[in-house]
Amino acid sequence: MILQTYKRLLQVNKNFETNITCVGHVKNQSCLYKNLYYINRTFWILTTKKLSIPLPNVRIGAMVGSYVTFNRRRFYTYTDLDEFIRINVNPIVIPHLTVHFEQLWLMNIGHALFDGLYPAYVALIRFSPRHLRPFRILLGTTGINDNHSFSDSVYNRFAGIDTMNLTLLEDMSIGKWFAFEEIIIGSGDMCQRCLQPNLQLPGGIELNGSRLFRDRMYKQHGLRPPITRHNHSAERRHPMIPLNAVFIDNKRFTTRDRIEIGAAIDEVNMYTDTHRNHTKLDWPLIYVSYVSYSQISTENNTRLHFNFAKNIDKMTMHLQLLKNIDIHITGPGTGQMYQTFLSDGSVNINLGGLVQKNSDTTTLEKYTSFMEQHMTAGTPYIRGLYYPINERPKEEAVPAELEPGDATIFVGNLYHAGGANITQDEWRETVGMFMAKGFYRQAENQYLMVPPERCKELQLSPAELRVLGYGISEPGCGFVKYKDPMESIFGIIDEETVRL
C-alpha cells in the first residue's frame, strides 16, 4: 500500500472537512465518509461549526454489539481546521476507496464470503458505481480465526487493492494520525445470518446483489462470468448435450447416505450412456459426479467431464467447476454457500440435515433443517429444490390410499405430498378444501359480487379484473385448472399472466 500526505485530500476531496453520506434505515445504515480521521484506535470526524451532522449508527458485523464509535471535533472556521490538519495533524493518508467490516469466522469460507464480504459489497452497491471499482478492505478479525489464508486470498482478489488488518492500523495509530480518502462503513444487517422479513438474502434481489457479487467474483479471478439467460433455463443450451449434475460432499452425509448417493449416480449415468444417440427421451440426459472440494486439484478429472487449467488458485478452480454445473446438490451448511456462483437457470438441491428438536439429548426426536433457504430465495437466477435425504421422513411417512369419494383431514403444519399417479393415460383429480379463520380472507366475496359473467358484460380491462381479484397471488394461489384465472376464465394472456 502506497501511503500519501494530506495533499492527497485536497487533490481529491478539495478540502479537509469530513463529509458523510448515509443510506438505509437508521438500524441498518451504510455510510460513505470522505476525509475520515483515525488516531489512538479511534475514528474522528472533523468539521466546522457550520456543518451540523448527527453521528451515524453503523455496524461492521453481524453481532448487535459491533457498532463503531466515532469522536467528533468541530472548529469555528475552516481556517482553524485547515491549520490544525497542516500543522498539528499532518496525517498519513490511506488513498482510494476503503471498506471496513468485521468477520468472526474467517477460517470458514462460507461465513467469510456471506457474513463478511457479501454484506460489505452490498454496502458498496448502495453507493453505485463504487461497487465496480477496486477497493481496499479494512478487516476486523476478532473471534475464532485459526487458518484463514484461503479467505484472505479470496478477499484480496475480490477487492482488487489489498486487505489491511484493523489490529495493524490500531497499533500504528498510537500517537499518529491517519486519514481515509474514502471509506464505507455499515453492513451489519446484510449478512446471510441476518434474518430478513422477506426471508431472502439481503440485497440479493432488490439491489441485484447476488448477480453483481457473483459476476465480480468471476471477473476478479480472471474468468468470464456465466452467461445471462433472460427467459428460461433451456436458453442457449443444446438439448442433446447432457446436463452436468454434481453432488458436493457434505459432513452431514452418513456412510449409508453416500452409498445411496453412489447407487443413484450410477443409475442416472447408465441411463445417459445408453441413450446418448436416442432422439426420443423419457428423461433428460444427465451426467452426475461426486465432488469433495478438499480433493479438487488442477489435474485433469475425467469424472467431472471437465479439465482445470494448470497453475490456478483454489477459488478459481471452484468457480470453474461451479460455472459448469447445471444441477448443484448438497446438504445444508458451508456446501450451500457457493450456490450464488451458479449459472443462470441452474438448480440447487438442498438435501437437508437432521437437527435435535430440543436440548434434551436423550430424546431421539429430530426434524429436517435446510438452513440456507433464504440464500436460494435471494438468488433470482437459480431455482431451489428441498429433498430430505435423511431417514426421518422415510420412517414417519404414512401412506393414505383413498377410494373415490374418500377424504382425509389434517392440520396445516403437517408435511404432506401426493403419491405417484400410476394410472395409464388418465387424469387423477383431487379436491382440496382449506379452512382458515375469517380474518385471513377478503371481506367481500368478489366472485359472487362481480361474477365472471358480469365482468364479461362490463368488458372490464385486464387491470380492472386483477383489481377485483381474478389474478394469481404469488407464489401461485388462486389458479383454476392449473391456469391463471385471467387465461382460464377470460382467455387473457399478457405479460402479467402467470404460467404455472
Protein backbone atom coordinates (compact mmCIF):
# COMPACT_ATOMS: atom_id res chain seq x y z
CA MET A 1 0.00 0.00 0.00
CA ILE A 2 1.38 3.40 -1.03
CA LEU A 3 0.50 5.98 1.63
CA GLN A 4 0.02 9.66 0.82
CA THR A 5 0.31 13.04 2.55
CA TYR A 6 -2.53 15.43 3.38
CA LYS A 7 -2.14 16.99 -0.07
CA ARG A 8 -3.97 13.94 -1.43
CA LEU A 9 -7.13 15.04 0.42
CA LEU A 10 -7.00 18.47 -1.19
CA GLN A 11 -6.34 16.96 -4.60
CA VAL A 12 -9.27 14.51 -4.48
CA ASN A 13 -11.79 15.87 -1.96
CA LYS A 14 -10.91 19.59 -2.33
CA ASN A 15 -10.77 20.23 1.44
CA PHE A 16 -10.01 18.66 4.83
CA GLU A 17 -13.53 18.59 6.27
CA THR A 18 -15.17 15.23 6.96
CA ASN A 19 -18.15 14.65 4.70
CA ILE A 20 -20.73 11.93 5.45
CA THR A 21 -23.45 10.43 3.25
CA CYS A 22 -25.68 7.71 4.74
CA VAL A 23 -28.33 5.45 3.21
CA GLY A 24 -30.66 2.88 4.71
CA HIS A 25 -32.73 2.60 7.85
CA VAL A 26 -31.15 4.04 10.99
CA LYS A 27 -30.75 0.49 12.33
CA ASN A 28 -29.14 -0.75 9.14
CA GLN A 29 -27.19 2.18 7.75
CA SER A 30 -24.28 2.26 5.35
CA CYS A 31 -22.27 5.48 5.34
CA LEU A 32 -19.70 6.90 2.94
CA TYR A 33 -17.09 9.06 4.67
CA LYS A 34 -14.69 11.39 2.91
CA ASN A 35 -11.75 12.64 4.99
CA LEU A 36 -12.38 10.38 7.99
CA TYR A 37 -9.53 10.57 10.50
CA TYR A 38 -8.09 7.93 12.83
CA ILE A 39 -5.75 8.14 15.84
CA ASN A 40 -5.23 6.11 19.01
CA ARG A 41 -7.59 3.37 17.76
CA THR A 42 -10.47 5.81 17.31
CA PHE A 43 -12.22 7.31 14.28
CA TRP A 44 -12.53 11.11 14.29
CA ILE A 45 -14.98 13.33 12.41
CA LEU A 46 -13.53 16.83 11.91
CA THR A 47 -15.92 19.56 10.73
CA THR A 48 -16.64 23.26 11.14
CA LYS A 49 -19.39 24.66 13.34
CA LYS A 50 -21.41 25.43 10.22
CA LEU A 51 -21.75 21.74 9.39
CA SER A 52 -24.20 20.17 11.81
CA ILE A 53 -24.46 16.41 11.23
CA PRO A 54 -25.55 13.70 13.67
CA LEU A 55 -23.13 10.91 14.49
CA PRO A 56 -24.33 7.94 12.42
CA ASN A 57 -25.08 4.49 13.81
CA VAL A 58 -23.17 1.94 11.74
CA ARG A 59 -22.28 -1.68 12.40
CA ILE A 60 -19.33 -3.53 10.93
CA GLY A 61 -20.55 -7.05 11.67
CA ALA A 62 -23.50 -9.33 12.25
CA MET A 63 -23.38 -9.04 16.03
CA VAL A 64 -25.53 -6.39 17.70
CA GLY A 65 -22.51 -5.08 19.63
CA SER A 66 -20.47 -4.35 16.51
CA TYR A 67 -21.30 -0.63 16.38
CA VAL A 68 -18.44 1.72 15.51
CA THR A 69 -17.69 4.56 17.92
CA PHE A 70 -16.80 7.97 16.48
CA ASN A 71 -15.34 11.03 18.19
CA ARG A 72 -16.03 14.47 16.79
CA ARG A 73 -14.32 17.86 16.89
CA ARG A 74 -15.90 20.99 15.45
CA PHE A 75 -13.88 24.07 14.51
CA TYR A 76 -15.18 27.64 14.49
CA THR A 77 -13.88 28.31 10.97
CA TYR A 78 -12.49 26.27 8.11
CA THR A 79 -9.22 28.21 8.51
CA ASP A 80 -8.87 26.73 12.00
CA LEU A 81 -9.49 23.23 10.62
CA ASP A 82 -7.05 23.77 7.76
CA GLU A 83 -4.33 24.94 10.14
CA PHE A 84 -4.97 22.02 12.50
CA ILE A 85 -4.54 19.48 9.69
CA ARG A 86 -1.45 21.06 8.16
CA ILE A 87 0.46 21.91 11.33
CA ASN A 88 -0.80 19.73 14.18
CA VAL A 89 -2.05 16.57 12.48
CA ASN A 90 -0.11 16.08 9.23
CA PRO A 91 -1.94 12.77 8.68
CA ILE A 92 -0.81 9.76 6.69
CA VAL A 93 -3.49 9.41 4.02
CA ILE A 94 -4.82 5.98 3.06
CA PRO A 95 -5.76 6.61 -0.58
CA HIS A 96 -8.61 5.40 -2.76
CA LEU A 97 -11.73 3.62 -1.52
CA THR A 98 -11.72 1.52 1.67
CA VAL A 99 -14.49 -0.73 3.01
CA HIS A 100 -14.46 -1.54 6.72
CA PHE A 101 -16.12 -4.66 8.14
CA GLU A 102 -15.61 -7.36 10.75
CA GLN A 103 -15.59 -11.13 10.31
CA LEU A 104 -15.63 -13.59 13.20
CA TRP A 105 -15.21 -16.84 11.25
CA LEU A 106 -12.55 -16.31 8.60
CA MET A 107 -11.48 -19.95 8.86
CA ASN A 108 -14.78 -20.92 7.17
CA ILE A 109 -15.02 -19.72 3.56
CA GLY A 110 -18.83 -19.77 3.64
CA HIS A 111 -19.01 -17.37 6.59
CA ALA A 112 -16.09 -15.34 5.23
CA LEU A 113 -17.96 -14.79 1.97
CA PHE A 114 -21.56 -14.25 3.05
CA ASP A 115 -21.25 -12.98 6.63
CA GLY A 116 -18.35 -10.67 5.80
CA LEU A 117 -17.53 -9.89 2.19
CA TYR A 118 -21.04 -10.03 0.70
CA PRO A 119 -22.71 -7.62 3.17
CA ALA A 120 -19.77 -5.23 2.75
CA TYR A 121 -20.22 -5.42 -1.02
CA VAL A 122 -23.95 -4.71 -0.67
CA ALA A 123 -22.97 -1.58 1.27
CA LEU A 124 -20.78 -0.67 -1.72
CA ILE A 125 -23.69 -1.22 -4.11
CA ARG A 126 -25.64 1.37 -2.13
CA PHE A 127 -23.07 3.91 -3.34
CA SER A 128 -23.06 2.95 -7.01
CA PRO A 129 -20.88 2.89 -9.11
CA ARG A 130 -18.22 2.33 -6.43
CA HIS A 131 -19.06 -1.39 -6.41
CA LEU A 132 -17.49 -1.61 -9.88
CA ARG A 133 -14.15 -0.15 -8.79
CA PRO A 134 -11.15 -1.65 -6.94
CA PHE A 135 -11.25 -1.08 -3.19
CA ARG A 136 -9.28 -1.81 -0.05
CA ILE A 137 -10.58 -3.89 2.86
CA LEU A 138 -10.06 -2.75 6.45
CA LEU A 139 -10.75 -6.01 8.25
CA GLY A 140 -11.57 -6.62 11.88
CA THR A 141 -10.82 -10.24 12.81
CA THR A 142 -11.97 -10.78 16.37
CA GLY A 143 -13.22 -14.30 17.03
CA ILE A 144 -12.03 -17.79 16.12
CA ASN A 145 -9.73 -17.43 13.13
CA ASP A 146 -7.18 -20.25 13.08
CA ASN A 147 -6.34 -20.83 9.43
CA HIS A 148 -7.75 -18.17 7.15
CA SER A 149 -5.25 -17.98 4.28
CA PHE A 150 -7.91 -19.16 1.80
CA SER A 151 -10.34 -16.43 2.87
CA ASP A 152 -7.57 -13.82 2.80
CA SER A 153 -6.70 -14.80 -0.76
CA VAL A 154 -10.32 -14.52 -1.91
CA TYR A 155 -10.74 -11.17 -0.15
CA ASN A 156 -7.66 -9.71 -1.82
CA ARG A 157 -8.62 -10.90 -5.29
CA PHE A 158 -12.20 -9.69 -4.94
CA ALA A 159 -11.29 -6.25 -3.59
CA GLY A 160 -8.55 -5.57 -6.10
CA ILE A 161 -6.26 -3.41 -3.93
CA ASP A 162 -5.30 -5.08 -0.65
CA THR A 163 -6.51 -6.01 2.83
CA MET A 164 -5.38 -4.11 5.92
CA ASN A 165 -5.90 -5.76 9.28
CA LEU A 166 -7.54 -3.43 11.78
CA THR A 167 -5.17 -4.62 14.51
CA LEU A 168 -2.20 -3.38 12.48
CA LEU A 169 -3.81 0.03 11.98
CA GLU A 170 -4.64 0.22 15.68
CA ASP A 171 -1.01 -0.38 16.61
CA MET A 172 0.31 2.15 14.08
CA SER A 173 -2.21 4.79 15.17
CA ILE A 174 -0.86 5.23 18.68
CA GLY A 175 0.16 8.90 18.67
CA LYS A 176 -0.09 9.10 14.87
CA TRP A 177 -2.92 10.47 12.70
CA PHE A 178 -4.27 8.68 9.64
CA ALA A 179 -6.91 9.87 7.17
CA PHE A 180 -9.10 7.88 4.79
CA GLU A 181 -9.71 9.42 1.40
CA GLU A 182 -13.00 7.49 1.16
CA ILE A 183 -14.27 4.77 3.46
CA ILE A 184 -17.62 2.96 3.55
CA ILE A 185 -18.76 1.56 6.90
CA GLY A 186 -22.02 -0.19 7.71
CA SER A 187 -23.01 -3.69 6.65
CA GLY A 188 -24.35 -5.15 9.86
CA ASP A 189 -27.81 -6.47 8.92
CA MET A 190 -26.99 -7.63 5.41
CA CYS A 191 -25.26 -10.94 6.14
CA GLN A 192 -26.71 -14.35 5.35
CA ARG A 193 -27.14 -15.00 9.09
CA CYS A 194 -29.23 -11.83 9.40
CA LEU A 195 -32.83 -12.96 9.04
CA GLN A 196 -34.94 -10.58 6.93
CA PRO A 197 -38.75 -10.15 6.94
CA ASN A 198 -38.88 -11.35 3.31
CA LEU A 199 -36.76 -14.43 4.14
CA GLN A 200 -34.26 -13.58 1.40
CA LEU A 201 -30.55 -12.91 1.20
CA PRO A 202 -30.34 -9.16 1.94
CA GLY A 203 -30.00 -7.08 -1.21
CA GLY A 204 -29.93 -10.17 -3.40
CA ILE A 205 -32.97 -9.18 -5.44
CA GLU A 206 -33.80 -5.53 -4.71
CA LEU A 207 -30.19 -4.38 -5.27
CA ASN A 208 -29.28 -7.19 -7.70
CA GLY A 209 -26.62 -8.02 -5.12
CA SER A 210 -26.40 -11.76 -5.81
CA ARG A 211 -25.68 -11.35 -9.52
CA LEU A 212 -23.30 -8.40 -9.05
CA PHE A 213 -21.38 -10.28 -6.34
CA ARG A 214 -21.19 -13.42 -8.48
CA ASP A 215 -20.05 -11.63 -11.61
CA ARG A 216 -17.37 -9.60 -9.80
CA MET A 217 -16.03 -12.76 -8.15
CA TYR A 218 -15.59 -14.38 -11.56
CA LYS A 219 -14.03 -11.29 -13.14
CA GLN A 220 -11.59 -10.71 -10.28
CA HIS A 221 -10.39 -14.30 -10.68
CA GLY A 222 -9.77 -13.83 -14.38
CA LEU A 223 -12.88 -15.71 -15.52
CA ARG A 224 -15.73 -14.67 -17.74
CA PRO A 225 -18.99 -14.52 -15.74
CA PRO A 226 -21.68 -17.12 -16.53
CA ILE A 227 -23.92 -16.39 -19.49
CA THR A 228 -27.12 -14.47 -18.88
CA ARG A 229 -30.38 -16.30 -19.55
CA HIS A 230 -33.29 -13.88 -19.75
CA ASN A 231 -36.28 -16.16 -20.36
CA HIS A 232 -35.79 -19.78 -19.28
CA SER A 233 -33.17 -22.29 -18.15
CA ALA A 234 -33.03 -24.05 -21.54
CA GLU A 235 -31.94 -20.86 -23.27
CA ARG A 236 -28.58 -21.28 -25.06
CA ARG A 237 -28.37 -24.97 -24.15
CA HIS A 238 -28.25 -27.83 -26.68
CA PRO A 239 -30.98 -30.38 -25.83
CA MET A 240 -28.76 -33.37 -26.71
CA ILE A 241 -25.83 -32.30 -24.54
CA PRO A 242 -26.22 -33.94 -21.10
CA LEU A 243 -26.80 -31.68 -18.14
CA ASN A 244 -23.98 -31.58 -15.59
CA ALA A 245 -25.10 -32.54 -12.07
CA VAL A 246 -22.65 -32.51 -9.16
CA PHE A 247 -23.06 -33.87 -5.64
CA ILE A 248 -20.91 -31.80 -3.27
CA ASP A 249 -19.61 -33.82 -0.33
CA ASN A 250 -21.09 -32.72 2.99
CA LYS A 251 -20.10 -33.57 6.54
CA ARG A 252 -23.76 -34.31 7.30
CA PHE A 253 -23.80 -37.23 4.85
CA THR A 254 -23.67 -40.58 6.66
CA THR A 255 -21.95 -43.67 5.28
CA ARG A 256 -25.35 -45.01 4.25
CA ASP A 257 -26.17 -41.69 2.56
CA ARG A 258 -23.00 -41.90 0.49
CA ILE A 259 -23.80 -45.48 -0.56
CA GLU A 260 -27.30 -44.47 -1.68
CA ILE A 261 -25.93 -41.42 -3.49
CA GLY A 262 -23.40 -43.59 -5.30
CA ALA A 263 -26.10 -46.01 -6.42
CA ALA A 264 -28.26 -43.15 -7.69
CA ILE A 265 -25.32 -41.66 -9.59
CA ASP A 266 -24.61 -44.99 -11.28
CA GLU A 267 -28.26 -45.40 -12.29
CA VAL A 268 -28.55 -41.91 -13.79
CA ASN A 269 -25.21 -42.14 -15.61
CA MET A 270 -26.09 -45.58 -17.01
CA TYR A 271 -29.32 -44.19 -18.47
CA THR A 272 -27.39 -41.31 -20.04
CA ASP A 273 -24.71 -43.60 -21.51
CA THR A 274 -27.30 -45.91 -23.08
CA HIS A 275 -29.46 -43.12 -24.51
CA ARG A 276 -26.88 -40.71 -25.91
CA ASN A 277 -27.91 -41.41 -29.51
CA HIS A 278 -31.66 -41.61 -28.95
CA THR A 279 -33.82 -38.89 -30.46
CA LYS A 280 -36.83 -39.52 -28.22
CA LEU A 281 -36.15 -39.49 -24.48
CA ASP A 282 -38.33 -40.22 -21.47
CA TRP A 283 -35.91 -38.35 -19.21
CA PRO A 284 -33.27 -35.68 -19.82
CA LEU A 285 -29.65 -36.76 -20.22
CA ILE A 286 -27.66 -36.00 -17.07
CA TYR A 287 -24.11 -36.82 -16.07
CA VAL A 288 -23.67 -36.90 -12.30
CA SER A 289 -20.39 -36.55 -10.39
CA TYR A 290 -19.48 -36.62 -6.70
CA VAL A 291 -17.00 -33.94 -5.62
CA SER A 292 -15.20 -33.08 -2.42
CA TYR A 293 -13.73 -29.58 -2.54
CA SER A 294 -10.83 -30.71 -0.38
CA GLN A 295 -9.78 -33.20 -3.06
CA ILE A 296 -10.11 -31.00 -6.16
CA SER A 297 -6.80 -30.50 -7.94
CA THR A 298 -5.57 -28.95 -11.17
CA GLU A 299 -5.01 -32.41 -12.58
CA ASN A 300 -7.47 -33.49 -15.26
CA ASN A 301 -10.51 -35.12 -13.70
CA THR A 302 -12.44 -37.22 -16.20
CA ARG A 303 -15.16 -38.00 -13.66
CA LEU A 304 -16.15 -34.34 -13.73
CA HIS A 305 -16.18 -34.21 -17.52
CA PHE A 306 -14.10 -31.06 -17.08
CA ASN A 307 -10.43 -30.15 -17.20
CA PHE A 308 -8.93 -27.49 -14.95
CA ALA A 309 -6.32 -25.11 -16.26
CA LYS A 310 -2.91 -25.51 -14.65
CA ASN A 311 -1.33 -23.15 -12.11
CA ILE A 312 -4.57 -21.64 -10.81
CA ASP A 313 -5.56 -20.93 -7.23
CA LYS A 314 -8.17 -22.80 -5.21
CA MET A 315 -11.04 -20.32 -5.62
CA THR A 316 -10.53 -20.14 -9.39
CA MET A 317 -10.82 -23.95 -9.55
CA HIS A 318 -14.01 -23.82 -7.51
CA LEU A 319 -15.50 -21.13 -9.76
CA GLN A 320 -14.60 -23.04 -12.92
CA LEU A 321 -16.40 -26.06 -11.50
CA LEU A 322 -19.47 -24.07 -10.39
CA LYS A 323 -19.78 -22.26 -13.71
CA ASN A 324 -20.30 -25.58 -15.48
CA ILE A 325 -22.80 -27.07 -13.02
CA ASP A 326 -26.43 -27.29 -14.11
CA ILE A 327 -27.70 -29.16 -11.03
CA HIS A 328 -25.94 -28.47 -7.72
CA ILE A 329 -26.71 -30.98 -4.94
CA THR A 330 -25.52 -30.95 -1.33
CA GLY A 331 -26.65 -30.74 2.28
CA PRO A 332 -27.03 -27.59 4.39
CA GLY A 333 -24.14 -25.57 5.78
CA THR A 334 -20.96 -24.41 4.08
CA GLY A 335 -21.68 -26.50 0.98
CA GLN A 336 -24.71 -24.33 0.24
CA MET A 337 -22.72 -21.09 0.35
CA TYR A 338 -21.45 -21.41 -3.21
CA GLN A 339 -24.92 -21.57 -4.81
CA THR A 340 -24.82 -17.84 -5.58
CA PHE A 341 -21.97 -18.52 -8.04
CA LEU A 342 -24.06 -20.92 -10.17
CA SER A 343 -25.03 -20.02 -13.72
CA ASP A 344 -28.41 -18.61 -14.72
CA GLY A 345 -31.05 -21.33 -14.88
CA SER A 346 -29.18 -23.74 -12.60
CA VAL A 347 -30.97 -25.78 -9.95
CA ASN A 348 -29.78 -26.01 -6.36
CA ILE A 349 -30.99 -29.12 -4.49
CA ASN A 350 -30.73 -28.92 -0.71
CA LEU A 351 -30.80 -32.39 0.86
CA GLY A 352 -31.40 -31.17 4.40
CA GLY A 353 -29.98 -32.42 7.66
CA LEU A 354 -31.25 -33.72 10.98
CA VAL A 355 -31.42 -31.28 13.90
CA GLN A 356 -32.28 -32.16 17.51
CA LYS A 357 -35.75 -30.87 18.42
CA ASN A 358 -34.63 -29.63 21.82
CA SER A 359 -31.62 -29.56 24.12
CA ASP A 360 -32.55 -32.90 25.68
CA THR A 361 -30.03 -35.21 24.02
CA THR A 362 -31.76 -38.30 25.45
CA THR A 363 -34.70 -37.90 23.07
CA LEU A 364 -34.46 -39.15 19.52
CA GLU A 365 -36.88 -36.54 18.18
CA LYS A 366 -35.32 -34.65 15.30
CA TYR A 367 -36.53 -32.55 12.40
CA THR A 368 -35.22 -31.79 8.93
CA SER A 369 -33.44 -28.46 8.61
CA PHE A 370 -32.42 -26.93 5.29
CA MET A 371 -30.88 -23.78 6.84
CA GLU A 372 -29.94 -21.79 3.72
CA GLN A 373 -33.39 -21.40 2.10
CA HIS A 374 -33.06 -17.61 2.25
CA MET A 375 -29.88 -17.72 0.17
CA THR A 376 -31.71 -19.54 -2.61
CA ALA A 377 -34.69 -17.19 -2.30
CA GLY A 378 -32.34 -14.22 -2.66
CA THR A 379 -30.67 -15.58 -5.81
CA PRO A 380 -33.28 -14.97 -8.52
CA TYR A 381 -31.39 -16.59 -11.40
CA ILE A 382 -31.42 -20.11 -9.88
CA ARG A 383 -34.17 -22.40 -8.62
CA GLY A 384 -34.17 -24.39 -5.41
CA LEU A 385 -35.49 -27.84 -4.52
CA TYR A 386 -35.64 -29.27 -1.00
CA TYR A 387 -35.34 -33.03 -0.80
CA PRO A 388 -34.66 -34.51 2.65
CA ILE A 389 -32.18 -37.35 2.29
CA ASN A 390 -32.35 -38.49 5.92
CA GLU A 391 -34.32 -41.32 7.50
CA ARG A 392 -36.91 -39.31 9.43
CA PRO A 393 -39.42 -38.80 6.58
CA LYS A 394 -38.97 -42.42 5.44
CA GLU A 395 -39.70 -43.82 8.90
CA GLU A 396 -42.57 -41.50 9.78
CA ALA A 397 -44.28 -41.26 6.40
CA VAL A 398 -47.72 -42.88 6.49
CA PRO A 399 -49.43 -43.85 3.20
CA ALA A 400 -53.06 -42.80 2.90
CA GLU A 401 -54.69 -44.60 -0.03
CA LEU A 402 -58.14 -43.20 -0.72
CA GLU A 403 -61.00 -44.66 -2.69
CA PRO A 404 -63.09 -42.37 -4.92
CA GLY A 405 -65.25 -40.22 -2.64
CA ASP A 406 -62.95 -40.59 0.40
CA ALA A 407 -61.48 -37.59 2.22
CA THR A 408 -58.54 -37.02 4.53
CA ILE A 409 -58.37 -34.19 7.07
CA PHE A 410 -55.15 -32.79 8.52
CA VAL A 411 -53.88 -29.55 10.02
CA GLY A 412 -51.77 -27.14 8.01
CA ASN A 413 -48.42 -27.81 9.68
CA LEU A 414 -48.36 -31.48 8.64
CA TYR A 415 -45.77 -32.32 5.99
CA HIS A 416 -47.66 -33.91 3.11
CA ALA A 417 -47.25 -34.79 -0.54
CA GLY A 418 -49.21 -36.55 -3.25
CA GLY A 419 -48.22 -40.04 -4.31
CA ALA A 420 -47.33 -41.10 -7.83
CA ASN A 421 -50.09 -41.28 -10.42
CA ILE A 422 -49.86 -44.90 -11.58
CA THR A 423 -52.92 -44.82 -13.82
CA GLN A 424 -52.48 -45.24 -17.55
CA ASP A 425 -53.35 -42.18 -19.65
CA GLU A 426 -55.86 -40.91 -17.08
CA TRP A 427 -56.26 -37.72 -15.11
CA ARG A 428 -56.35 -38.14 -11.36
CA GLU A 429 -58.10 -35.15 -9.82
CA THR A 430 -58.33 -34.27 -6.17
CA VAL A 431 -60.28 -31.51 -4.45
CA GLY A 432 -58.59 -29.54 -1.67
CA MET A 433 -60.72 -27.59 0.80
CA PHE A 434 -58.84 -25.20 3.07
CA MET A 435 -60.38 -23.92 6.28
CA ALA A 436 -58.99 -20.64 7.60
CA LYS A 437 -60.02 -18.01 10.12
CA GLY A 438 -62.38 -15.41 8.73
CA PHE A 439 -59.95 -12.52 9.08
CA TYR A 440 -57.43 -14.36 6.87
CA ARG A 441 -59.63 -13.81 3.79
CA GLN A 442 -61.06 -10.79 1.96
CA ALA A 443 -64.12 -9.08 3.43
CA GLU A 444 -66.16 -9.09 0.22
CA ASN A 445 -66.55 -12.20 -1.94
CA GLN A 446 -65.86 -10.63 -5.32
CA TYR A 447 -66.67 -13.86 -7.16
CA LEU A 448 -70.31 -13.51 -6.05
CA MET A 449 -70.49 -9.70 -6.09
CA VAL A 450 -68.90 -9.38 -9.54
CA PRO A 451 -69.03 -12.90 -11.06
CA PRO A 452 -67.19 -13.71 -14.31
CA GLU A 453 -70.36 -13.37 -16.39
CA ARG A 454 -70.90 -9.82 -15.12
CA CYS A 455 -67.24 -8.96 -15.75
CA LYS A 456 -67.61 -10.08 -19.36
CA GLU A 457 -70.77 -7.99 -19.77
CA LEU A 458 -68.97 -4.90 -18.46
CA GLN A 459 -65.98 -5.62 -20.74
CA LEU A 460 -63.59 -4.86 -17.90
CA SER A 461 -59.91 -4.34 -18.72
CA PRO A 462 -57.25 -6.81 -17.53
CA ALA A 463 -56.12 -4.28 -14.92
CA GLU A 464 -59.67 -3.94 -13.57
CA LEU A 465 -60.11 -7.72 -13.48
CA ARG A 466 -56.92 -8.09 -11.46
CA VAL A 467 -58.04 -5.41 -9.01
CA LEU A 468 -61.20 -7.47 -8.49
CA GLY A 469 -59.05 -10.47 -7.59
CA TYR A 470 -59.02 -12.51 -10.77
CA GLY A 471 -55.22 -12.61 -10.94
CA ILE A 472 -52.90 -15.05 -9.21
CA SER A 473 -51.28 -14.20 -5.89
CA GLU A 474 -47.65 -15.28 -5.52
CA PRO A 475 -46.42 -17.95 -5.35
CA GLY A 476 -49.40 -19.47 -7.19
CA CYS A 477 -52.55 -19.01 -5.10
CA GLY A 478 -55.81 -18.75 -6.98
CA PHE A 479 -55.31 -20.92 -10.04
CA VAL A 480 -58.18 -22.57 -11.95
CA LYS A 481 -57.46 -25.97 -13.51
CA TYR A 482 -53.75 -25.21 -13.15
CA LYS A 483 -54.09 -21.96 -15.08
CA ASP A 484 -54.19 -18.28 -14.22
CA PRO A 485 -57.91 -17.26 -13.97
CA MET A 486 -57.16 -14.47 -16.45
CA GLU A 487 -56.38 -17.17 -19.01
CA SER A 488 -58.75 -19.92 -17.85
CA ILE A 489 -61.86 -17.75 -17.43
CA PHE A 490 -61.29 -14.73 -19.65
CA GLY A 491 -58.79 -16.02 -22.22
CA ILE A 492 -56.40 -13.14 -21.44
CA ILE A 493 -52.71 -13.85 -21.95
CA ASP A 494 -50.44 -10.85 -21.39
CA GLU A 495 -47.14 -10.08 -19.69
CA GLU A 496 -48.75 -10.41 -16.23
CA THR A 497 -50.42 -13.76 -16.89
CA VAL A 498 -48.81 -16.42 -14.69
CA ARG A 499 -47.87 -19.68 -16.39
CA LEU A 500 -47.81 -22.49 -13.83
